[in-house]
């Protein structure tokens, strides 16, 4: 069940996220997701995607991060009402896990799961033209990344996906802030997942080199396992990563519930190193699954890998 105050929370999150840094994974993370996806597109899907993009590339900021850039703009709020709410889904970590435990999409469809399916289906239908078709592709690329960021699929005691949990410093092996650094936003647990953990993973390298490294690690078995259209399951998995990992120190204890400053001091030992493997795999999953969404939307002959294998086994 969604928390009773989901509508109020969703509106609050949308407003708060507009005032903070960019959305899930930041431009670098979304570029990585798009780069991985390109490796798994069918020729037909790749040709169709390139046709929609025109002079753009799939990982360009104006494609992969465009959905973040339009939030709060009057023109796009009129064209796409409630688009600020489309980046996340409100799953409450306070829910007890029992036989009745179930996570559901919002009733009004203004959540990341519903919007992924909406834009995939709109592109598949072939009715969109011109700028609207490009916008649909932009939304799909971006939201496929967002749903894999754990704190876009969970909140704890009304903390707005960790936006209300301040972070005083971040001391990773490759990236850090604190000790008097001037930032243009107040760091939070949410912004750490949006940006700083990705910076830690990238470690100053070129994005295309990170894409190459992550893609090479992905096995055929992982592609078969990950590439499906059960988007609610993807969000459910992200929710559990938030509940079991993102909201916990490396030793498994809960992060503090305190919303006032100065905030947490995150180090490699107490938090960061334990989260990097999660960030790594979530970006890989997002890339593979984005490819599946695009293949489904643009290639009528494409079948999910798992389904194709099952069909072969059924032949006499």
C-alpha atoms as a PDB file:
ATOM      1  CA  UNK A   1       0.000   0.000   0.000  1.00  0.00           C
ATOM      2  CA  UNK A   2       1.071   3.581  -0.600  1.00  0.00           C
ATOM      3  CA  UNK A   3       1.203   5.790   2.460  1.00  0.00           C
ATOM      4  CA  UNK A   4      -2.068   7.757   3.014  1.00  0.00           C
ATOM      5  CA  UNK A   5      -0.270  11.047   2.631  1.00  0.00           C
ATOM      6  CA  UNK A   6       1.365  10.107  -0.676  1.00  0.00           C
ATOM      7  CA  UNK A   7      -0.176  12.990  -2.617  1.00  0.00           C
ATOM      8  CA  UNK A   8       1.064  15.596  -0.156  1.00  0.00           C
ATOM      9  CA  UNK A   9       4.427  13.917   0.067  1.00  0.00           C
ATOM     10  CA  UNK A  10       4.741  13.667  -3.690  1.00  0.00           C
ATOM     11  CA  UNK A  11       4.022  17.348  -4.147  1.00  0.00           C
ATOM     12  CA  UNK A  12       6.485  18.233  -1.412  1.00  0.00           C
ATOM     13  CA  UNK A  13       9.195  16.066  -2.901  1.00  0.00           C
ATOM     14  CA  UNK A  14       8.688  17.584  -6.321  1.00  0.00           C
ATOM     15  CA  UNK A  15       9.057  21.071  -4.905  1.00  0.00           C
ATOM     16  CA  UNK A  16      12.048  20.193  -2.792  1.00  0.00           C
ATOM     17  CA  UNK A  17      13.866  18.420  -5.604  1.00  0.00           C
ATOM     18  CA  UNK A  18      13.491  21.482  -7.797  1.00  0.00           C
ATOM     19  CA  UNK A  19      15.472  23.440  -5.231  1.00  0.00           C
ATOM     20  CA  UNK A  20      18.241  20.852  -4.918  1.00  0.00           C
ATOM     21  CA  UNK A  21      20.740  19.339  -7.342  1.00  0.00           C
ATOM     22  CA  UNK A  22      19.772  17.468 -10.466  1.00  0.00           C
ATOM     23  CA  UNK A  23      17.689  14.313 -10.331  1.00  0.00           C
ATOM     24  CA  UNK A  24      18.643  10.684  -9.944  1.00  0.00           C
ATOM     25  CA  UNK A  25      22.209   9.795 -10.910  1.00  0.00           C
ATOM     26  CA  UNK A  26      22.960  13.288 -12.259  1.00  0.00           C
ATOM     27  CA  UNK A  27      23.969  13.906 -15.893  1.00  0.00           C
ATOM     28  CA  UNK A  28      26.935  11.537 -15.635  1.00  0.00           C
ATOM     29  CA  UNK A  29      24.831   8.670 -14.355  1.00  0.00           C
ATOM     30  CA  UNK A  30      22.139   9.124 -16.986  1.00  0.00           C
ATOM     31  CA  UNK A  31      24.791   9.323 -19.693  1.00  0.00           C
ATOM     32  CA  UNK A  32      26.235   6.034 -18.438  1.00  0.00           C
ATOM     33  CA  UNK A  33      22.808   4.385 -18.536  1.00  0.00           C
ATOM     34  CA  UNK A  34      22.244   5.573 -22.104  1.00  0.00           C
ATOM     35  CA  UNK A  35      25.716   4.455 -23.153  1.00  0.00           C
ATOM     36  CA  UNK A  36      25.179   0.949 -21.821  1.00  0.00           C
ATOM     37  CA  UNK A  37      21.770   0.746 -23.500  1.00  0.00           C
ATOM     38  CA  UNK A  38      23.286   1.383 -26.922  1.00  0.00           C
ATOM     39  CA  UNK A  39      25.152  -1.930 -26.733  1.00  0.00           C
ATOM     40  CA  UNK A  40      21.902  -3.905 -26.505  1.00  0.00           C
ATOM     41  CA  UNK A  41      19.715  -2.207 -29.117  1.00  0.00           C
ATOM     42  CA  UNK A  42      18.672  -4.204 -32.153  1.00  0.00           C
ATOM     43  CA  UNK A  43      19.629  -2.689 -35.532  1.00  0.00           C
ATOM     44  CA  UNK A  44      15.985  -1.745 -36.146  1.00  0.00           C
ATOM     45  CA  UNK A  45      15.629  -0.083 -32.760  1.00  0.00           C
ATOM     46  CA  UNK A  46      18.942   1.745 -33.135  1.00  0.00           C
ATOM     47  CA  UNK A  47      17.903   3.108 -36.529  1.00  0.00           C
ATOM     48  CA  UNK A  48      14.556   4.280 -35.153  1.00  0.00           C
ATOM     49  CA  UNK A  49      16.161   5.883 -32.099  1.00  0.00           C
ATOM     50  CA  UNK A  50      18.683   7.708 -34.284  1.00  0.00           C
ATOM     51  CA  UNK A  51      15.837   8.930 -36.492  1.00  0.00           C
ATOM     52  CA  UNK A  52      13.996  10.388 -33.492  1.00  0.00           C
ATOM     53  CA  UNK A  53      17.153  11.949 -32.052  1.00  0.00           C
ATOM     54  CA  UNK A  54      18.212  13.715 -35.236  1.00  0.00           C
ATOM     55  CA  UNK A  55      21.384  15.616 -34.341  1.00  0.00           C
ATOM     56  CA  UNK A  56      21.300  14.482 -30.711  1.00  0.00           C
ATOM     57  CA  UNK A  57      22.938  11.439 -29.156  1.00  0.00           C
ATOM     58  CA  UNK A  58      21.158   9.233 -26.633  1.00  0.00           C
ATOM     59  CA  UNK A  59      23.468  10.200 -23.760  1.00  0.00           C
ATOM     60  CA  UNK A  60      23.451  13.950 -24.440  1.00  0.00           C
ATOM     61  CA  UNK A  61      22.356  16.169 -21.569  1.00  0.00           C
ATOM     62  CA  UNK A  62      19.501  17.483 -23.723  1.00  0.00           C
ATOM     63  CA  UNK A  63      18.212  13.926 -24.047  1.00  0.00           C
ATOM     64  CA  UNK A  64      19.151  11.819 -21.022  1.00  0.00           C
ATOM     65  CA  UNK A  65      18.819  14.663 -18.479  1.00  0.00           C
ATOM     66  CA  UNK A  66      16.266  16.801 -20.310  1.00  0.00           C
ATOM     67  CA  UNK A  67      13.438  15.683 -18.003  1.00  0.00           C
ATOM     68  CA  UNK A  68      15.286  17.269 -15.084  1.00  0.00           C
ATOM     69  CA  UNK A  69      15.987  20.492 -16.940  1.00  0.00           C
ATOM     70  CA  UNK A  70      12.313  21.217 -17.716  1.00  0.00           C
ATOM     71  CA  UNK A  71      10.999  20.913 -14.172  1.00  0.00           C
ATOM     72  CA  UNK A  72       9.446  24.131 -12.951  1.00  0.00           C
ATOM     73  CA  UNK A  73       9.331  25.685 -16.417  1.00  0.00           C
ATOM     74  CA  UNK A  74       5.912  27.126 -17.167  1.00  0.00           C
ATOM     75  CA  UNK A  75       5.929  25.999 -20.798  1.00  0.00           C
ATOM     76  CA  UNK A  76       6.503  22.363 -19.926  1.00  0.00           C
ATOM     77  CA  UNK A  77       4.336  22.367 -16.818  1.00  0.00           C
ATOM     78  CA  UNK A  78       1.505  23.321 -19.142  1.00  0.00           C
ATOM     79  CA  UNK A  79       2.417  20.727 -21.740  1.00  0.00           C
ATOM     80  CA  UNK A  80       3.157  17.959 -19.230  1.00  0.00           C
ATOM     81  CA  UNK A  81       1.253  18.689 -15.994  1.00  0.00           C
ATOM     82  CA  UNK A  82       2.650  17.084 -12.842  1.00  0.00           C
ATOM     83  CA  UNK A  83       5.900  16.143 -14.612  1.00  0.00           C
ATOM     84  CA  UNK A  84       7.852  16.893 -11.434  1.00  0.00           C
ATOM     85  CA  UNK A  85       6.202  13.893  -9.802  1.00  0.00           C
ATOM     86  CA  UNK A  86       7.125  11.524 -12.604  1.00  0.00           C
ATOM     87  CA  UNK A  87      10.693  10.995 -11.357  1.00  0.00           C
ATOM     88  CA  UNK A  88       9.867   8.913  -8.283  1.00  0.00           C
ATOM     89  CA  UNK A  89       7.344   6.676  -6.573  1.00  0.00           C
ATOM     90  CA  UNK A  90       6.276   6.848  -2.924  1.00  0.00           C
ATOM     91  CA  UNK A  91       7.001   3.561  -1.167  1.00  0.00           C
ATOM     92  CA  UNK A  92       7.132   3.864   2.622  1.00  0.00           C
ATOM     93  CA  UNK A  93       9.904   1.916   4.375  1.00  0.00           C
ATOM     94  CA  UNK A  94       7.787   1.816   7.551  1.00  0.00           C
ATOM     95  CA  UNK A  95       5.475  -0.780   6.041  1.00  0.00           C
ATOM     96  CA  UNK A  96       5.558  -4.103   7.821  1.00  0.00           C
ATOM     97  CA  UNK A  97       6.585  -7.058   5.709  1.00  0.00           C
ATOM     98  CA  UNK A  98       3.889  -9.730   5.942  1.00  0.00           C
ATOM     99  CA  UNK A  99       1.573 -11.770   3.730  1.00  0.00           C
ATOM    100  CA  UNK A 100      -0.370  -8.623   2.787  1.00  0.00           C
ATOM    101  CA  UNK A 101       2.713  -6.590   1.871  1.00  0.00           C
ATOM    102  CA  UNK A 102       2.320  -5.127  -1.605  1.00  0.00           C
ATOM    103  CA  UNK A 103       3.757  -2.139  -3.420  1.00  0.00           C
ATOM    104  CA  UNK A 104       1.483  -0.408  -5.919  1.00  0.00           C
ATOM    105  CA  UNK A 105       1.639   2.426  -8.407  1.00  0.00           C
ATOM    106  CA  UNK A 106      -0.164   5.683  -7.663  1.00  0.00           C
ATOM    107  CA  UNK A 107      -3.846   5.957  -8.480  1.00  0.00           C
ATOM    108  CA  UNK A 108      -3.369   8.951 -10.793  1.00  0.00           C
ATOM    109  CA  UNK A 109      -0.407   7.592 -12.759  1.00  0.00           C
ATOM    110  CA  UNK A 110       1.930  10.396 -11.717  1.00  0.00           C
ATOM    111  CA  UNK A 111       4.827   8.163 -10.719  1.00  0.00           C
ATOM    112  CA  UNK A 112       7.964   6.869 -12.386  1.00  0.00           C
ATOM    113  CA  UNK A 113       6.662   3.334 -12.970  1.00  0.00           C
ATOM    114  CA  UNK A 114       3.473   4.464 -14.690  1.00  0.00           C
ATOM    115  CA  UNK A 115       5.331   7.025 -16.773  1.00  0.00           C
ATOM    116  CA  UNK A 116       7.926   4.542 -18.041  1.00  0.00           C
ATOM    117  CA  UNK A 117       5.148   2.323 -19.343  1.00  0.00           C
ATOM    118  CA  UNK A 118       3.216   5.302 -20.701  1.00  0.00           C
ATOM    119  CA  UNK A 119       6.056   6.650 -22.820  1.00  0.00           C
ATOM    120  CA  UNK A 120       7.183   3.207 -23.961  1.00  0.00           C
ATOM    121  CA  UNK A 121       3.644   2.464 -25.137  1.00  0.00           C
ATOM    122  CA  UNK A 122       3.235   5.889 -26.769  1.00  0.00           C
ATOM    123  CA  UNK A 123       6.434   5.379 -28.744  1.00  0.00           C
ATOM    124  CA  UNK A 124       5.374   1.863 -29.678  1.00  0.00           C
ATOM    125  CA  UNK A 125       2.005   3.127 -30.912  1.00  0.00           C
ATOM    126  CA  UNK A 126       3.646   5.320 -33.535  1.00  0.00           C
ATOM    127  CA  UNK A 127       1.118   8.142 -33.171  1.00  0.00           C
ATOM    128  CA  UNK A 128       3.547  10.766 -31.868  1.00  0.00           C
ATOM    129  CA  UNK A 129       5.288  13.070 -34.293  1.00  0.00           C
ATOM    130  CA  UNK A 130       8.080  15.621 -34.242  1.00  0.00           C
ATOM    131  CA  UNK A 131       8.965  17.250 -30.938  1.00  0.00           C
ATOM    132  CA  UNK A 132       6.426  15.213 -28.995  1.00  0.00           C
ATOM    133  CA  UNK A 133       8.068  12.007 -30.176  1.00  0.00           C
ATOM    134  CA  UNK A 134      11.479  13.304 -29.135  1.00  0.00           C
ATOM    135  CA  UNK A 135      10.071  14.325 -25.755  1.00  0.00           C
ATOM    136  CA  UNK A 136       8.651  10.834 -25.262  1.00  0.00           C
ATOM    137  CA  UNK A 137      12.063   9.316 -25.936  1.00  0.00           C
ATOM    138  CA  UNK A 138      13.691  11.801 -23.564  1.00  0.00           C
ATOM    139  CA  UNK A 139      11.261  10.925 -20.789  1.00  0.00           C
ATOM    140  CA  UNK A 140      11.728   7.198 -21.312  1.00  0.00           C
ATOM    141  CA  UNK A 141      15.525   7.394 -21.276  1.00  0.00           C
ATOM    142  CA  UNK A 142      15.551   9.498 -18.134  1.00  0.00           C
ATOM    143  CA  UNK A 143      12.953   7.625 -16.117  1.00  0.00           C
ATOM    144  CA  UNK A 144      14.599   4.278 -16.854  1.00  0.00           C
ATOM    145  CA  UNK A 145      17.539   5.670 -14.920  1.00  0.00           C
ATOM    146  CA  UNK A 146      15.472   7.271 -12.159  1.00  0.00           C
ATOM    147  CA  UNK A 147      13.622   4.092 -11.190  1.00  0.00           C
ATOM    148  CA  UNK A 148      16.950   2.400 -10.422  1.00  0.00           C
ATOM    149  CA  UNK A 149      18.010   5.053  -7.897  1.00  0.00           C
ATOM    150  CA  UNK A 150      16.879   3.530  -4.567  1.00  0.00           C
ATOM    151  CA  UNK A 151      15.875   6.827  -2.966  1.00  0.00           C
ATOM    152  CA  UNK A 152      13.565   7.600  -5.888  1.00  0.00           C
ATOM    153  CA  UNK A 153      11.506   4.588  -4.815  1.00  0.00           C
ATOM    154  CA  UNK A 154      11.417   4.945  -1.034  1.00  0.00           C
ATOM    155  CA  UNK A 155      11.023   7.338   1.852  1.00  0.00           C
ATOM    156  CA  UNK A 156      11.394   6.933   5.600  1.00  0.00           C
ATOM    157  CA  UNK A 157       9.178   8.745   8.110  1.00  0.00           C
ATOM    158  CA  UNK A 158       8.323  11.484   5.630  1.00  0.00           C
ATOM    159  CA  UNK A 159      11.951  12.322   4.822  1.00  0.00           C
ATOM    160  CA  UNK A 160      11.152  12.782   1.125  1.00  0.00           C
ATOM    161  CA  UNK A 161      13.476  10.090  -0.150  1.00  0.00           C
ATOM    162  CA  UNK A 162      16.343  11.218   2.067  1.00  0.00           C
ATOM    163  CA  UNK A 163      16.048  14.863   1.010  1.00  0.00           C
ATOM    164  CA  UNK A 164      15.436  15.835   4.639  1.00  0.00           C
ATOM    165  CA  UNK A 165      18.520  14.006   5.973  1.00  0.00           C
ATOM    166  CA  UNK A 166      21.438  16.482   5.898  1.00  0.00           C
ATOM    167  CA  UNK A 167      24.959  15.370   5.060  1.00  0.00           C
ATOM    168  CA  UNK A 168      27.827  17.387   6.507  1.00  0.00           C
ATOM    169  CA  UNK A 169      30.684  15.755   4.628  1.00  0.00           C
ATOM    170  CA  UNK A 170      31.476  13.047   2.099  1.00  0.00           C
ATOM    171  CA  UNK A 171      34.957  11.517   2.200  1.00  0.00           C
ATOM    172  CA  UNK A 172      35.343   8.902  -0.496  1.00  0.00           C
ATOM    173  CA  UNK A 173      38.486   7.492  -2.030  1.00  0.00           C
ATOM    174  CA  UNK A 174      38.000   9.431  -5.269  1.00  0.00           C
ATOM    175  CA  UNK A 175      35.579  12.233  -4.451  1.00  0.00           C
ATOM    176  CA  UNK A 176      34.810  14.339  -1.400  1.00  0.00           C
ATOM    177  CA  UNK A 177      33.136  17.473  -0.088  1.00  0.00           C
ATOM    178  CA  UNK A 178      33.023  19.187   3.285  1.00  0.00           C
ATOM    179  CA  UNK A 179      35.599  21.013   5.369  1.00  0.00           C
ATOM    180  CA  UNK A 180      34.414  24.437   4.280  1.00  0.00           C
ATOM    181  CA  UNK A 181      33.595  23.611   0.650  1.00  0.00           C
ATOM    182  CA  UNK A 182      31.045  26.030  -0.781  1.00  0.00           C
ATOM    183  CA  UNK A 183      28.145  24.252  -2.471  1.00  0.00           C
ATOM    184  CA  UNK A 184      25.165  25.780  -4.263  1.00  0.00           C
ATOM    185  CA  UNK A 185      22.779  23.431  -2.454  1.00  0.00           C
ATOM    186  CA  UNK A 186      22.436  21.825   0.966  1.00  0.00           C
ATOM    187  CA  UNK A 187      23.765  18.248   0.677  1.00  0.00           C
ATOM    188  CA  UNK A 188      21.401  15.491   1.740  1.00  0.00           C
ATOM    189  CA  UNK A 189      21.341  11.715   1.646  1.00  0.00           C
ATOM    190  CA  UNK A 190      19.260  11.996  -1.519  1.00  0.00           C
ATOM    191  CA  UNK A 191      21.734  14.278  -3.281  1.00  0.00           C
ATOM    192  CA  UNK A 192      24.570  11.951  -2.265  1.00  0.00           C
ATOM    193  CA  UNK A 193      22.830   9.167  -4.180  1.00  0.00           C
ATOM    194  CA  UNK A 194      21.934  11.454  -7.061  1.00  0.00           C
ATOM    195  CA  UNK A 195      25.459  12.707  -7.606  1.00  0.00           C
ATOM    196  CA  UNK A 196      28.269  12.040  -5.154  1.00  0.00           C
ATOM    197  CA  UNK A 197      28.235   8.259  -5.241  1.00  0.00           C
ATOM    198  CA  UNK A 198      28.317   8.444  -9.039  1.00  0.00           C
ATOM    199  CA  UNK A 199      31.287  10.821  -8.858  1.00  0.00           C
ATOM    200  CA  UNK A 200      32.986   8.342  -6.541  1.00  0.00           C
ATOM    201  CA  UNK A 201      32.401   5.549  -9.056  1.00  0.00           C
ATOM    202  CA  UNK A 202      33.490   7.599 -12.070  1.00  0.00           C
ATOM    203  CA  UNK A 203      36.648   8.730 -10.246  1.00  0.00           C
ATOM    204  CA  UNK A 204      37.433  11.508 -12.699  1.00  0.00           C
ATOM    205  CA  UNK A 205      37.426   9.243 -15.749  1.00  0.00           C
ATOM    206  CA  UNK A 206      35.739   9.930 -19.069  1.00  0.00           C
ATOM    207  CA  UNK A 207      32.148   8.770 -19.059  1.00  0.00           C
ATOM    208  CA  UNK A 208      32.671   6.626 -22.155  1.00  0.00           C
ATOM    209  CA  UNK A 209      35.454   4.743 -20.372  1.00  0.00           C
ATOM    210  CA  UNK A 210      33.149   4.017 -17.440  1.00  0.00           C
ATOM    211  CA  UNK A 211      30.449   2.845 -19.861  1.00  0.00           C
ATOM    212  CA  UNK A 212      32.922   0.497 -21.527  1.00  0.00           C
ATOM    213  CA  UNK A 213      34.025  -0.925 -18.172  1.00  0.00           C
ATOM    214  CA  UNK A 214      30.513  -1.474 -16.835  1.00  0.00           C
ATOM    215  CA  UNK A 215      29.207  -2.931 -20.083  1.00  0.00           C
ATOM    216  CA  UNK A 216      32.041  -5.441 -20.321  1.00  0.00           C
ATOM    217  CA  UNK A 217      31.184  -6.755 -16.862  1.00  0.00           C
ATOM    218  CA  UNK A 218      27.611  -7.612 -17.852  1.00  0.00           C
ATOM    219  CA  UNK A 219      27.167 -11.301 -18.661  1.00  0.00           C
ATOM    220  CA  UNK A 220      24.659 -12.851 -21.096  1.00  0.00           C
ATOM    221  CA  UNK A 221      22.913 -14.474 -18.128  1.00  0.00           C
ATOM    222  CA  UNK A 222      22.495 -11.071 -16.499  1.00  0.00           C
ATOM    223  CA  UNK A 223      21.008  -9.648 -19.691  1.00  0.00           C
ATOM    224  CA  UNK A 224      18.480 -12.493 -19.801  1.00  0.00           C
ATOM    225  CA  UNK A 225      17.645 -11.970 -16.135  1.00  0.00           C
ATOM    226  CA  UNK A 226      17.453  -8.180 -16.163  1.00  0.00           C
ATOM    227  CA  UNK A 227      15.845  -7.398 -19.522  1.00  0.00           C
ATOM    228  CA  UNK A 228      12.098  -7.552 -18.879  1.00  0.00           C
ATOM    229  CA  UNK A 229       9.202  -5.110 -18.735  1.00  0.00           C
ATOM    230  CA  UNK A 230       8.170  -5.682 -15.102  1.00  0.00           C
ATOM    231  CA  UNK A 231       8.817  -2.054 -14.180  1.00  0.00           C
ATOM    232  CA  UNK A 232       7.010  -2.310 -10.850  1.00  0.00           C
ATOM    233  CA  UNK A 233       9.422  -5.099  -9.922  1.00  0.00           C
ATOM    234  CA  UNK A 234      12.352  -2.835 -10.779  1.00  0.00           C
ATOM    235  CA  UNK A 235      10.940  -0.212  -8.431  1.00  0.00           C
ATOM    236  CA  UNK A 236      10.297  -2.854  -5.797  1.00  0.00           C
ATOM    237  CA  UNK A 237      13.946  -3.929  -5.989  1.00  0.00           C
ATOM    238  CA  UNK A 238      15.078  -0.307  -5.651  1.00  0.00           C
ATOM    239  CA  UNK A 239      12.783   0.088  -2.652  1.00  0.00           C
ATOM    240  CA  UNK A 240      14.408  -2.865  -0.902  1.00  0.00           C
ATOM    241  CA  UNK A 241      17.873  -1.527  -1.657  1.00  0.00           C
ATOM    242  CA  UNK A 242      16.855   1.711   0.035  1.00  0.00           C
ATOM    243  CA  UNK A 243      15.338  -0.093   2.983  1.00  0.00           C
ATOM    244  CA  UNK A 244      18.220  -2.528   3.525  1.00  0.00           C
ATOM    245  CA  UNK A 245      21.223  -0.538   2.270  1.00  0.00           C
ATOM    246  CA  UNK A 246      20.811   3.170   1.477  1.00  0.00           C
ATOM    247  CA  UNK A 247      19.252   3.957   4.865  1.00  0.00           C
ATOM    248  CA  UNK A 248      21.910   1.994   6.759  1.00  0.00           C
ATOM    249  CA  UNK A 249      25.527   2.425   7.729  1.00  0.00           C
ATOM    250  CA  UNK A 250      28.033  -0.132   6.492  1.00  0.00           C
ATOM    251  CA  UNK A 251      27.617  -2.089   9.741  1.00  0.00           C
ATOM    252  CA  UNK A 252      23.880  -2.499   9.110  1.00  0.00           C
ATOM    253  CA  UNK A 253      22.671  -0.020  11.713  1.00  0.00           C
ATOM    254  CA  UNK A 254      20.038   2.537  10.715  1.00  0.00           C
ATOM    255  CA  UNK A 255      21.134   6.002   9.677  1.00  0.00           C
ATOM    256  CA  UNK A 256      19.986   8.720  12.104  1.00  0.00           C
ATOM    257  CA  UNK A 257      16.470  10.081  11.842  1.00  0.00           C
ATOM    258  CA  UNK A 258      17.574  13.611  12.721  1.00  0.00           C
ATOM    259  CA  UNK A 259      16.587  16.217  10.118  1.00  0.00           C
ATOM    260  CA  UNK A 260      18.524  19.141  11.621  1.00  0.00           C
ATOM    261  CA  UNK A 261      22.161  20.014  10.932  1.00  0.00           C
ATOM    262  CA  UNK A 262      25.044  19.740  10.789  1.00  0.00           C
ATOM    263  CA  UNK A 263      24.281  16.294   9.365  1.00  0.00           C
ATOM    264  CA  UNK A 264      26.072  13.020   8.778  1.00  0.00           C
ATOM    265  CA  UNK A 265      29.755  12.589   8.009  1.00  0.00           C
ATOM    266  CA  UNK A 266      29.970   9.850   5.387  1.00  0.00           C
ATOM    267  CA  UNK A 267      33.289   8.078   4.872  1.00  0.00           C
ATOM    268  CA  UNK A 268      34.535   5.192   2.774  1.00  0.00           C
ATOM    269  CA  UNK A 269      34.578   2.988   5.851  1.00  0.00           C
ATOM    270  CA  UNK A 270      31.237   3.860   7.416  1.00  0.00           C
ATOM    271  CA  UNK A 271      29.052   4.181   4.299  1.00  0.00           C
ATOM    272  CA  UNK A 272      30.464   4.900   0.840  1.00  0.00           C
ATOM    273  CA  UNK A 273      32.354   1.705  -0.002  1.00  0.00           C
ATOM    274  CA  UNK A 274      29.310  -0.404   0.873  1.00  0.00           C
ATOM    275  CA  UNK A 275      27.123   1.546  -1.576  1.00  0.00           C
ATOM    276  CA  UNK A 276      29.384   1.686  -4.643  1.00  0.00           C
ATOM    277  CA  UNK A 277      28.681  -1.917  -5.761  1.00  0.00           C
ATOM    278  CA  UNK A 278      24.961  -1.097  -5.581  1.00  0.00           C
ATOM    279  CA  UNK A 279      25.383   2.048  -7.672  1.00  0.00           C
ATOM    280  CA  UNK A 280      27.455   0.089 -10.151  1.00  0.00           C
ATOM    281  CA  UNK A 281      24.916  -2.682 -10.650  1.00  0.00           C
ATOM    282  CA  UNK A 282      21.909  -0.367 -10.677  1.00  0.00           C
ATOM    283  CA  UNK A 283      23.437   1.643 -13.516  1.00  0.00           C
ATOM    284  CA  UNK A 284      24.125  -1.590 -15.384  1.00  0.00           C
ATOM    285  CA  UNK A 285      20.579  -2.835 -14.867  1.00  0.00           C
ATOM    286  CA  UNK A 286      19.156   0.515 -15.936  1.00  0.00           C
ATOM    287  CA  UNK A 287      21.155   0.439 -19.166  1.00  0.00           C
ATOM    288  CA  UNK A 288      20.151  -3.108 -20.072  1.00  0.00           C
ATOM    289  CA  UNK A 289      16.514  -2.458 -19.235  1.00  0.00           C
ATOM    290  CA  UNK A 290      16.431   0.823 -21.129  1.00  0.00           C
ATOM    291  CA  UNK A 291      17.599  -1.117 -24.173  1.00  0.00           C
ATOM    292  CA  UNK A 292      14.743  -3.558 -23.650  1.00  0.00           C
ATOM    293  CA  UNK A 293      12.242  -0.705 -23.464  1.00  0.00           C
ATOM    294  CA  UNK A 294      13.587   0.845 -26.655  1.00  0.00           C
ATOM    295  CA  UNK A 295      13.681  -2.484 -28.486  1.00  0.00           C
ATOM    296  CA  UNK A 296      10.096  -3.082 -27.417  1.00  0.00           C
ATOM    297  CA  UNK A 297       9.038   0.380 -28.566  1.00  0.00           C
ATOM    298  CA  UNK A 298      10.819   0.466 -31.920  1.00  0.00           C
ATOM    299  CA  UNK A 299      11.369  -3.114 -33.125  1.00  0.00           C
ATOM    300  CA  UNK A 300       8.148  -5.120 -33.642  1.00  0.00           C
ATOM    301  CA  UNK A 301      10.146  -8.318 -34.230  1.00  0.00           C
ATOM    302  CA  UNK A 302      12.057  -8.102 -30.957  1.00  0.00           C
ATOM    303  CA  UNK A 303      11.374 -10.508 -28.101  1.00  0.00           C
ATOM    304  CA  UNK A 304      12.642 -10.399 -24.544  1.00  0.00           C
ATOM    305  CA  UNK A 305      15.669 -12.719 -24.210  1.00  0.00           C
ATOM    306  CA  UNK A 306      13.988 -14.892 -21.606  1.00  0.00           C
ATOM    307  CA  UNK A 307      10.863 -15.313 -23.708  1.00  0.00           C
ATOM    308  CA  UNK A 308      12.904 -16.130 -26.805  1.00  0.00           C
ATOM    309  CA  UNK A 309      14.741 -18.870 -24.896  1.00  0.00           C
ATOM    310  CA  UNK A 310      11.463 -20.289 -23.629  1.00  0.00           C
ATOM    311  CA  UNK A 311      10.043 -20.368 -27.158  1.00  0.00           C
ATOM    312  CA  UNK A 312      13.014 -22.402 -28.378  1.00  0.00           C
ATOM    313  CA  UNK A 313      12.504 -24.952 -25.614  1.00  0.00           C
ATOM    314  CA  UNK A 314       8.843 -25.346 -26.545  1.00  0.00           C
ATOM    315  CA  UNK A 315       9.616 -26.359 -30.153  1.00  0.00           C
ATOM    316  CA  UNK A 316       8.993 -30.095 -30.817  1.00  0.00           C
END
